[in-house]
Amino acid sequence: MGFVNLSLLYISNVVSCFFVKAIYKYYGMRACMVFSGFTYLLWTLVNVLLALKSEGIISIPNSVLIIFMCVAAIINGFGFALLWSIQGKYISDSCNEKTKGLYWAIFWAIF
């Protein structure tokens, strides 16, 4: 399931990269970043459900989990494209020439 999950995530990421600029201009930077954060949260929660199922803690049919996982991967691929396209502009807009190096260093130290 991991191969299919990541394949769907990256395919939807590539396809949605064509629409990122239009979406960003329509909704704005902050809304796009919040939406992207929620797509990561959704994908993580579905992965937690899958782990709980494998431990026997919850009983959800495998077919339902597979559908949830595929849909969450596609949605997260879209949010992934938004986040990684907008984060550079957000950091650049948040600083001036004096602090630009510091902000980028902090970002890459965390990343």
Protein backbone atom coordinates (compact mmCIF):
# COMPACT_ATOMS: atom_id res chain seq x y z
CA MET A 1 0.00 0.00 0.00
CA GLY A 2 2.94 2.33 0.57
CA PHE A 3 3.92 2.39 -3.10
CA VAL A 4 0.38 3.18 -4.22
CA ASN A 5 -0.01 5.78 -1.48
CA LEU A 6 3.14 7.68 -2.41
CA SER A 7 2.48 7.30 -6.14
CA LEU A 8 -0.94 8.91 -5.81
CA LEU A 9 0.49 11.64 -3.61
CA TYR A 10 3.23 12.59 -6.06
CA ILE A 11 1.06 12.25 -9.18
CA SER A 12 -1.53 14.60 -7.68
CA ASN A 13 1.32 16.88 -6.62
CA VAL A 14 2.65 17.12 -10.18
CA VAL A 15 -0.79 17.69 -11.68
CA SER A 16 -1.79 20.31 -9.13
CA CYS A 17 1.45 22.28 -9.61
CA PHE A 18 -0.06 23.62 -12.83
CA PHE A 19 -2.88 25.29 -10.85
CA VAL A 20 -1.02 26.53 -7.77
CA LYS A 21 -0.44 30.09 -8.94
CA ALA A 22 -4.10 30.64 -9.86
CA ILE A 23 -5.28 29.18 -6.56
CA TYR A 24 -2.78 31.27 -4.61
CA LYS A 25 -3.86 34.48 -6.35
CA TYR A 26 -7.55 33.75 -5.73
CA TYR A 27 -7.42 32.59 -2.08
CA GLY A 28 -4.26 34.25 -0.77
CA MET A 29 -1.17 32.98 0.94
CA ARG A 30 -2.53 32.43 4.44
CA ALA A 31 -5.62 30.46 3.37
CA CYS A 32 -3.53 28.24 1.11
CA MET A 33 -1.04 27.50 3.89
CA VAL A 34 -3.81 26.68 6.38
CA PHE A 35 -5.48 24.39 3.84
CA SER A 36 -2.15 22.68 3.16
CA GLY A 37 -1.68 22.08 6.86
CA PHE A 38 -5.07 20.41 7.06
CA THR A 39 -4.25 18.14 4.12
CA TYR A 40 -1.15 16.93 5.97
CA LEU A 41 -3.26 16.40 9.09
CA LEU A 42 -5.82 14.36 7.14
CA TRP A 43 -3.12 12.18 5.58
CA THR A 44 -1.47 11.62 8.97
CA LEU A 45 -4.77 10.68 10.63
CA VAL A 46 -5.54 8.12 7.93
CA ASN A 47 -2.08 6.62 8.43
CA VAL A 48 -2.75 6.44 12.18
CA LEU A 49 -6.04 4.64 11.45
CA LEU A 50 -4.15 2.14 9.33
CA ALA A 51 -1.65 1.56 12.15
CA LEU A 52 -4.44 1.11 14.68
CA LYS A 53 -6.09 -1.41 12.36
CA SER A 54 -2.88 -3.40 12.03
CA GLU A 55 -2.54 -3.51 15.85
CA GLY A 56 -6.12 -4.75 16.20
CA ILE A 57 -7.28 -1.73 18.20
CA ILE A 58 -10.02 -0.73 15.74
CA SER A 59 -12.03 -2.81 13.32
CA ILE A 60 -12.55 -1.04 10.02
CA PRO A 61 -12.79 -3.07 6.81
CA ASN A 62 -9.61 -3.06 4.74
CA SER A 63 -11.44 -1.84 1.64
CA VAL A 64 -12.62 1.28 3.49
CA LEU A 65 -9.12 2.01 4.76
CA ILE A 66 -7.65 1.60 1.28
CA ILE A 67 -10.18 4.04 -0.17
CA PHE A 68 -9.51 6.52 2.66
CA MET A 69 -5.77 6.18 2.14
CA CYS A 70 -5.99 6.78 -1.62
CA VAL A 71 -8.27 9.80 -1.26
CA ALA A 72 -6.14 11.27 1.53
CA ALA A 73 -2.97 10.80 -0.56
CA ILE A 74 -4.51 12.63 -3.52
CA ILE A 75 -5.73 15.49 -1.32
CA ASN A 76 -2.37 15.70 0.44
CA GLY A 77 -0.58 15.81 -2.91
CA PHE A 78 -2.60 18.89 -3.76
CA GLY A 79 -1.79 20.49 -0.40
CA PHE A 80 1.85 19.48 -0.79
CA ALA A 81 2.10 21.42 -4.05
CA LEU A 82 0.48 24.47 -2.49
CA LEU A 83 2.67 24.45 0.60
CA TRP A 84 5.99 23.97 -1.16
CA SER A 85 5.20 26.57 -3.77
CA ILE A 86 4.06 29.20 -1.29
CA GLN A 87 6.51 28.71 1.58
CA GLY A 88 9.36 30.41 -0.27
CA LYS A 89 7.29 33.47 -1.04
CA TYR A 90 6.01 33.60 2.54
CA ILE A 91 9.52 33.62 3.99
CA SER A 92 10.72 36.20 1.46
CA ASP A 93 7.74 38.48 2.17
CA SER A 94 8.17 38.15 5.95
CA CYS A 95 11.68 39.55 6.08
CA ASN A 96 13.80 42.45 4.91
CA GLU A 97 17.29 42.40 3.40
CA LYS A 98 18.93 42.27 6.85
CA THR A 99 16.96 39.28 8.16
CA LYS A 100 16.51 37.32 4.93
CA GLY A 101 19.57 35.13 5.54
CA LEU A 102 18.58 34.44 9.13
CA TYR A 103 15.03 33.43 8.24
CA TRP A 104 16.17 31.09 5.46
CA ALA A 105 18.82 29.58 7.74
CA ILE A 106 16.19 28.88 10.40
CA PHE A 107 13.89 27.32 7.80
CA TRP A 108 16.57 25.00 6.43
CA ALA A 109 17.83 24.13 9.91
CA ILE A 110 14.33 22.96 10.83
CA PHE A 111 13.69 21.28 7.50
